[in-house]
C-alpha atoms as a PDB file:
ATOM      1  CA  MET A   1      18.457  36.851  29.986  1.00  0.00           C
ATOM      2  CA  TYR A   2      15.125  37.141  28.027  1.00  0.00           C
ATOM      3  CA  LYS A   3      12.742  39.818  28.290  1.00  0.00           C
ATOM      4  CA  GLU A   4       9.439  39.025  30.020  1.00  0.00           C
ATOM      5  CA  SER A   5       7.365  40.631  27.188  1.00  0.00           C
ATOM      6  CA  ILE A   6       7.484  42.801  24.159  1.00  0.00           C
ATOM      7  CA  ASN A   7       5.245  45.712  23.050  1.00  0.00           C
ATOM      8  CA  LYS A   8       3.962  46.655  19.675  1.00  0.00           C
ATOM      9  CA  ASP A   9       6.538  49.436  18.969  1.00  0.00           C
ATOM     10  CA  GLU A  10       9.437  47.046  19.902  1.00  0.00           C
ATOM     11  CA  LEU A  11       8.031  44.341  17.850  1.00  0.00           C
ATOM     12  CA  ASP A  12       7.684  46.601  14.837  1.00  0.00           C
ATOM     13  CA  ASP A  13      11.310  47.832  15.132  1.00  0.00           C
ATOM     14  CA  LEU A  14      12.470  44.134  14.570  1.00  0.00           C
ATOM     15  CA  PRO A  15      13.427  42.745  11.178  1.00  0.00           C
ATOM     16  CA  LEU A  16      10.740  40.683   9.407  1.00  0.00           C
ATOM     17  CA  VAL A  17      12.110  37.049   8.836  1.00  0.00           C
ATOM     18  CA  GLN A  18      10.695  34.114   6.962  1.00  0.00           C
ATOM     19  CA  PHE A  19      11.706  30.494   6.412  1.00  0.00           C
ATOM     20  CA  GLU A  20      14.241  30.338   3.462  1.00  0.00           C
ATOM     21  CA  GLY A  21      15.025  26.648   3.564  1.00  0.00           C
ATOM     22  CA  GLU A  22      13.543  23.794   1.293  1.00  0.00           C
ATOM     23  CA  ILE A  23       9.815  23.652   1.332  1.00  0.00           C
ATOM     24  CA  VAL A  24       8.369  20.091   0.414  1.00  0.00           C
ATOM     25  CA  LEU A  25       4.648  20.121  -0.321  1.00  0.00           C
ATOM     26  CA  VAL A  26       3.460  16.524   0.207  1.00  0.00           C
ATOM     27  CA  ASP A  27      -0.129  15.799  -1.141  1.00  0.00           C
ATOM     28  CA  GLY A  28       0.382  12.516  -2.632  1.00  0.00           C
ATOM     29  CA  GLN A  29       2.764   9.616  -3.309  1.00  0.00           C
ATOM     30  CA  ALA A  30       5.517  11.553  -5.059  1.00  0.00           C
ATOM     31  CA  ASP A  31       7.538  12.863  -2.129  1.00  0.00           C
ATOM     32  CA  TYR A  32       5.709  11.131   0.745  1.00  0.00           C
ATOM     33  CA  PHE A  33       7.947   8.154   1.582  1.00  0.00           C
ATOM     34  CA  GLU A  34      11.127  10.224   0.937  1.00  0.00           C
ATOM     35  CA  SER A  35       9.587  12.799   3.301  1.00  0.00           C
ATOM     36  CA  ILE A  36       8.662  10.365   6.061  1.00  0.00           C
ATOM     37  CA  ASN A  37      12.020   8.592   5.966  1.00  0.00           C
ATOM     38  CA  TYR A  38      13.755  11.944   6.404  1.00  0.00           C
ATOM     39  CA  LEU A  39      11.517  13.112   9.289  1.00  0.00           C
ATOM     40  CA  LYS A  40      11.784   9.745  11.217  1.00  0.00           C
ATOM     41  CA  GLN A  41      15.507  10.374  11.430  1.00  0.00           C
ATOM     42  CA  GLN A  42      15.179  13.786  13.065  1.00  0.00           C
ATOM     43  CA  PRO A  43      15.453  14.179  17.015  1.00  0.00           C
ATOM     44  CA  VAL A  44      13.442  17.529  16.864  1.00  0.00           C
ATOM     45  CA  LEU A  45      10.712  18.901  14.636  1.00  0.00           C
ATOM     46  CA  GLY A  46       8.846  22.194  14.742  1.00  0.00           C
ATOM     47  CA  PHE A  47       5.085  21.437  14.526  1.00  0.00           C
ATOM     48  CA  ASP A  48       2.104  23.384  13.514  1.00  0.00           C
ATOM     49  CA  THR A  49      -1.197  22.954  11.768  1.00  0.00           C
ATOM     50  CA  GLU A  50      -3.434  25.138   9.509  1.00  0.00           C
ATOM     51  CA  THR A  51      -7.246  24.988   9.296  1.00  0.00           C
ATOM     52  CA  LYS A  52      -9.501  26.795   6.796  1.00  0.00           C
ATOM     53  CA  PRO A  53     -11.146  29.628   8.838  1.00  0.00           C
ATOM     54  CA  ALA A  54     -14.942  29.316   9.507  1.00  0.00           C
ATOM     55  CA  PHE A  55     -16.681  32.454   9.360  1.00  0.00           C
ATOM     56  CA  LYS A  56     -20.161  30.950  10.493  1.00  0.00           C
ATOM     57  CA  LYS A  57     -20.975  30.057  14.150  1.00  0.00           C
ATOM     58  CA  GLY A  58     -20.884  26.316  14.920  1.00  0.00           C
ATOM     59  CA  VAL A  59     -18.903  25.520  11.668  1.00  0.00           C
ATOM     60  CA  VAL A  60     -15.546  23.742  12.383  1.00  0.00           C
ATOM     61  CA  ASN A  61     -13.377  22.706   9.516  1.00  0.00           C
ATOM     62  CA  GLU A  62     -10.921  19.847   9.624  1.00  0.00           C
ATOM     63  CA  VAL A  63      -7.186  20.406   9.822  1.00  0.00           C
ATOM     64  CA  ALA A  64      -6.071  20.997   6.113  1.00  0.00           C
ATOM     65  CA  LEU A  65      -2.307  21.188   6.661  1.00  0.00           C
ATOM     66  CA  LEU A  66       0.319  19.573   8.897  1.00  0.00           C
ATOM     67  CA  GLN A  67       3.726  21.334   9.097  1.00  0.00           C
ATOM     68  CA  LEU A  68       6.946  19.560  10.382  1.00  0.00           C
ATOM     69  CA  ALA A  69      10.106  21.513  10.065  1.00  0.00           C
ATOM     70  CA  THR A  70      13.920  21.116  10.772  1.00  0.00           C
ATOM     71  CA  ALA A  71      16.394  24.050  10.691  1.00  0.00           C
ATOM     72  CA  ASP A  72      16.525  23.802   6.825  1.00  0.00           C
ATOM     73  CA  ARG A  73      13.603  21.861   5.492  1.00  0.00           C
ATOM     74  CA  ALA A  74       9.920  22.156   6.116  1.00  0.00           C
ATOM     75  CA  PHE A  75       7.357  19.531   5.125  1.00  0.00           C
ATOM     76  CA  LEU A  76       3.791  20.456   4.418  1.00  0.00           C
ATOM     77  CA  PHE A  77       1.367  17.657   4.465  1.00  0.00           C
ATOM     78  CA  ARG A  78      -2.014  18.412   2.603  1.00  0.00           C
ATOM     79  CA  LEU A  79      -4.264  16.463   5.019  1.00  0.00           C
ATOM     80  CA  ASN A  80      -7.400  17.629   3.182  1.00  0.00           C
ATOM     81  CA  LYS A  81      -6.104  15.836   0.089  1.00  0.00           C
ATOM     82  CA  MET A  82      -4.513  12.646   1.866  1.00  0.00           C
ATOM     83  CA  GLY A  83      -6.000  12.190   5.190  1.00  0.00           C
ATOM     84  CA  LEU A  84      -3.704  11.337   8.158  1.00  0.00           C
ATOM     85  CA  PRO A  85      -1.687   8.355   6.929  1.00  0.00           C
ATOM     86  CA  LEU A  86      -0.223   5.702   9.145  1.00  0.00           C
ATOM     87  CA  GLU A  87       3.404   6.749   8.756  1.00  0.00           C
ATOM     88  CA  VAL A  88       2.514  10.487   9.700  1.00  0.00           C
ATOM     89  CA  ARG A  89       0.716   9.160  12.757  1.00  0.00           C
ATOM     90  CA  GLN A  90       3.777   6.901  13.719  1.00  0.00           C
ATOM     91  CA  ILE A  91       5.815  10.279  13.841  1.00  0.00           C
ATOM     92  CA  LEU A  92       3.208  12.025  15.936  1.00  0.00           C
ATOM     93  CA  GLU A  93       3.283   8.997  18.213  1.00  0.00           C
ATOM     94  CA  ALA A  94       7.005   8.529  18.490  1.00  0.00           C
ATOM     95  CA  PRO A  95       8.451   9.512  21.915  1.00  0.00           C
ATOM     96  CA  SER A  96      11.938   9.622  20.318  1.00  0.00           C
ATOM     97  CA  ILE A  97      10.992  12.521  18.179  1.00  0.00           C
ATOM     98  CA  LEU A  98      10.438  15.903  20.005  1.00  0.00           C
ATOM     99  CA  LYS A  99       7.686  17.817  18.346  1.00  0.00           C
ATOM    100  CA  ILE A 100       7.860  21.522  19.370  1.00  0.00           C
ATOM    101  CA  GLY A 101       4.912  23.952  18.940  1.00  0.00           C
ATOM    102  CA  VAL A 102       2.611  26.697  20.452  1.00  0.00           C
ATOM    103  CA  ALA A 103      -0.862  25.960  21.535  1.00  0.00           C
ATOM    104  CA  ILE A 104      -0.478  22.505  20.356  1.00  0.00           C
ATOM    105  CA  ARG A 105      -3.466  20.985  22.381  1.00  0.00           C
ATOM    106  CA  ASP A 106      -5.995  22.242  19.778  1.00  0.00           C
ATOM    107  CA  ASP A 107      -3.769  21.042  16.998  1.00  0.00           C
ATOM    108  CA  ILE A 108      -3.574  17.658  18.328  1.00  0.00           C
ATOM    109  CA  LYS A 109      -7.302  17.462  18.931  1.00  0.00           C
ATOM    110  CA  GLY A 110      -7.869  18.604  15.338  1.00  0.00           C
ATOM    111  CA  LEU A 111      -5.713  15.989  13.944  1.00  0.00           C
ATOM    112  CA  GLN A 112      -7.330  13.384  16.083  1.00  0.00           C
ATOM    113  CA  ARG A 113     -10.764  14.183  14.614  1.00  0.00           C
ATOM    114  CA  ILE A 114      -9.144  13.101  11.306  1.00  0.00           C
ATOM    115  CA  ARG A 115      -7.768   9.810  12.584  1.00  0.00           C
ATOM    116  CA  PRO A 116      -7.223   8.802  16.346  1.00  0.00           C
ATOM    117  CA  PHE A 117      -3.620   8.442  17.368  1.00  0.00           C
ATOM    118  CA  ARG A 118      -1.638   8.675  20.718  1.00  0.00           C
ATOM    119  CA  PRO A 119       0.452  11.799  20.806  1.00  0.00           C
ATOM    120  CA  SER A 120       3.880  11.409  22.306  1.00  0.00           C
ATOM    121  CA  GLY A 121       6.964  13.483  22.499  1.00  0.00           C
ATOM    122  CA  PHE A 122       5.286  16.781  22.126  1.00  0.00           C
ATOM    123  CA  LEU A 123       6.590  20.050  23.933  1.00  0.00           C
ATOM    124  CA  GLU A 124       4.509  23.071  24.297  1.00  0.00           C
ATOM    125  CA  LEU A 125       6.646  26.183  23.999  1.00  0.00           C
ATOM    126  CA  GLN A 126       4.142  28.232  25.953  1.00  0.00           C
ATOM    127  CA  LYS A 127       4.953  26.121  29.118  1.00  0.00           C
ATOM    128  CA  HIS A 128       8.553  25.669  28.328  1.00  0.00           C
ATOM    129  CA  VAL A 129       9.331  29.386  28.059  1.00  0.00           C
ATOM    130  CA  LYS A 130       7.984  29.995  31.543  1.00  0.00           C
ATOM    131  CA  GLY A 131      11.085  28.558  32.940  1.00  0.00           C
ATOM    132  CA  PHE A 132      12.908  31.418  31.165  1.00  0.00           C
ATOM    133  CA  GLY A 133      10.835  34.077  32.673  1.00  0.00           C
ATOM    134  CA  ILE A 134       8.929  34.902  29.494  1.00  0.00           C
ATOM    135  CA  GLN A 135       5.406  35.900  29.847  1.00  0.00           C
ATOM    136  CA  ASP A 136       4.252  36.584  26.288  1.00  0.00           C
ATOM    137  CA  PHE A 137       3.191  33.278  24.725  1.00  0.00           C
ATOM    138  CA  SER A 138       2.190  33.883  20.902  1.00  0.00           C
ATOM    139  CA  LEU A 139       4.492  32.534  18.420  1.00  0.00           C
ATOM    140  CA  LYS A 140       4.964  35.987  17.012  1.00  0.00           C
ATOM    141  CA  LYS A 141       6.119  37.515  20.435  1.00  0.00           C
ATOM    142  CA  LEU A 142       8.146  34.480  21.343  1.00  0.00           C
ATOM    143  CA  SER A 143      10.175  34.679  18.070  1.00  0.00           C
ATOM    144  CA  ALA A 144      10.735  38.429  18.785  1.00  0.00           C
ATOM    145  CA  ILE A 145      11.833  37.686  22.434  1.00  0.00           C
ATOM    146  CA  VAL A 146      13.979  34.693  21.872  1.00  0.00           C
ATOM    147  CA  LEU A 147      15.258  35.171  18.216  1.00  0.00           C
ATOM    148  CA  GLY A 148      15.153  38.809  17.852  1.00  0.00           C
ATOM    149  CA  PHE A 149      12.972  38.917  14.687  1.00  0.00           C
ATOM    150  CA  ARG A 150       9.394  39.068  13.856  1.00  0.00           C
ATOM    151  CA  ILE A 151       7.231  36.894  11.687  1.00  0.00           C
ATOM    152  CA  SER A 152       4.285  37.763   9.480  1.00  0.00           C
ATOM    153  CA  LYS A 153       0.837  36.371  10.337  1.00  0.00           C
ATOM    154  CA  ALA A 154      -0.708  37.824   7.125  1.00  0.00           C
ATOM    155  CA  GLN A 155      -1.681  34.435   5.606  1.00  0.00           C
ATOM    156  CA  ARG A 156      -3.177  32.958   8.802  1.00  0.00           C
ATOM    157  CA  ILE A 157      -6.839  33.347   7.747  1.00  0.00           C
ATOM    158  CA  THR A 158      -6.530  32.215   4.075  1.00  0.00           C
ATOM    159  CA  ASN A 159      -8.069  29.149   2.445  1.00  0.00           C
ATOM    160  CA  TRP A 160      -5.876  26.267   3.500  1.00  0.00           C
ATOM    161  CA  GLU A 161      -8.203  23.842   1.476  1.00  0.00           C
ATOM    162  CA  ALA A 162      -7.495  25.650  -1.947  1.00  0.00           C
ATOM    163  CA  PRO A 163      -6.669  23.361  -4.789  1.00  0.00           C
ATOM    164  CA  GLU A 164      -3.208  24.996  -4.899  1.00  0.00           C
ATOM    165  CA  LEU A 165      -1.497  26.631  -2.099  1.00  0.00           C
ATOM    166  CA  THR A 166       0.274  29.905  -2.983  1.00  0.00           C
ATOM    167  CA  GLU A 167       3.905  30.518  -2.463  1.00  0.00           C
ATOM    168  CA  ALA A 168       2.955  33.027   0.227  1.00  0.00           C
ATOM    169  CA  GLN A 169       0.900  30.310   2.115  1.00  0.00           C
ATOM    170  CA  GLN A 170       3.534  27.743   1.875  1.00  0.00           C
ATOM    171  CA  VAL A 171       6.200  30.157   3.141  1.00  0.00           C
ATOM    172  CA  TYR A 172       3.807  31.319   6.030  1.00  0.00           C
ATOM    173  CA  ALA A 173       3.196  27.639   7.030  1.00  0.00           C
ATOM    174  CA  ALA A 174       6.859  26.625   6.794  1.00  0.00           C
ATOM    175  CA  THR A 175       7.879  29.678   8.893  1.00  0.00           C
ATOM    176  CA  ASP A 176       5.541  28.783  11.646  1.00  0.00           C
ATOM    177  CA  ALA A 177       6.816  25.289  12.203  1.00  0.00           C
ATOM    178  CA  TRP A 178      10.463  26.366  11.656  1.00  0.00           C
ATOM    179  CA  VAL A 179      10.165  29.116  14.165  1.00  0.00           C
ATOM    180  CA  ALA A 180       9.086  26.813  16.854  1.00  0.00           C
ATOM    181  CA  HIS A 181      12.030  24.680  16.022  1.00  0.00           C
ATOM    182  CA  GLN A 182      14.480  27.676  16.155  1.00  0.00           C
ATOM    183  CA  ILE A 183      12.988  28.955  19.423  1.00  0.00           C
ATOM    184  CA  TYR A 184      13.560  25.650  21.075  1.00  0.00           C
ATOM    185  CA  TYR A 185      17.137  25.349  19.963  1.00  0.00           C
ATOM    186  CA  SER A 186      17.926  28.981  20.906  1.00  0.00           C
ATOM    187  CA  LEU A 187      16.549  28.460  24.485  1.00  0.00           C
ATOM    188  CA  ASN A 188      18.331  25.130  25.013  1.00  0.00           C
ATOM    189  CA  GLN A 189      21.804  25.897  23.689  1.00  0.00           C
END
């Protein structure tokens, strides 16, 4: 049904796709409660985080951005500006809301360094896809194998703590969470 893996040439031949839904940047009170109320109603969310890269040995930056996405909306929480509020932690702790991501263990550990919480309802796509015979586990390769398109990773090592996130950063961050959501739905149709 699905290919085990994909090589670079096959990957390069696929169309480049990015998230085209609504992006909600949450960095204060303005959209906060409206976003939380919407997210609490969702049964499944794509999940990812971004951290400012550290180019010095021993330097570890805190998670700067938390992304939660549905099929058509992506919420980008600027944690470097607002911390990890109670209502966001409640979503991360809710067993009734499935949070889908790739390599989520480190993301969760990074979030717990900001504020402790008990993660519940998380699904690791890297484990989940093994049941479908897939052996390539990066988000980029999973999107190619399962969804038939490639995603850009060009913004990955940008400054996620910048005073303003560029449109390219926002689209990249939204795409990563959205793609996890889409892979899950595609696999489980």
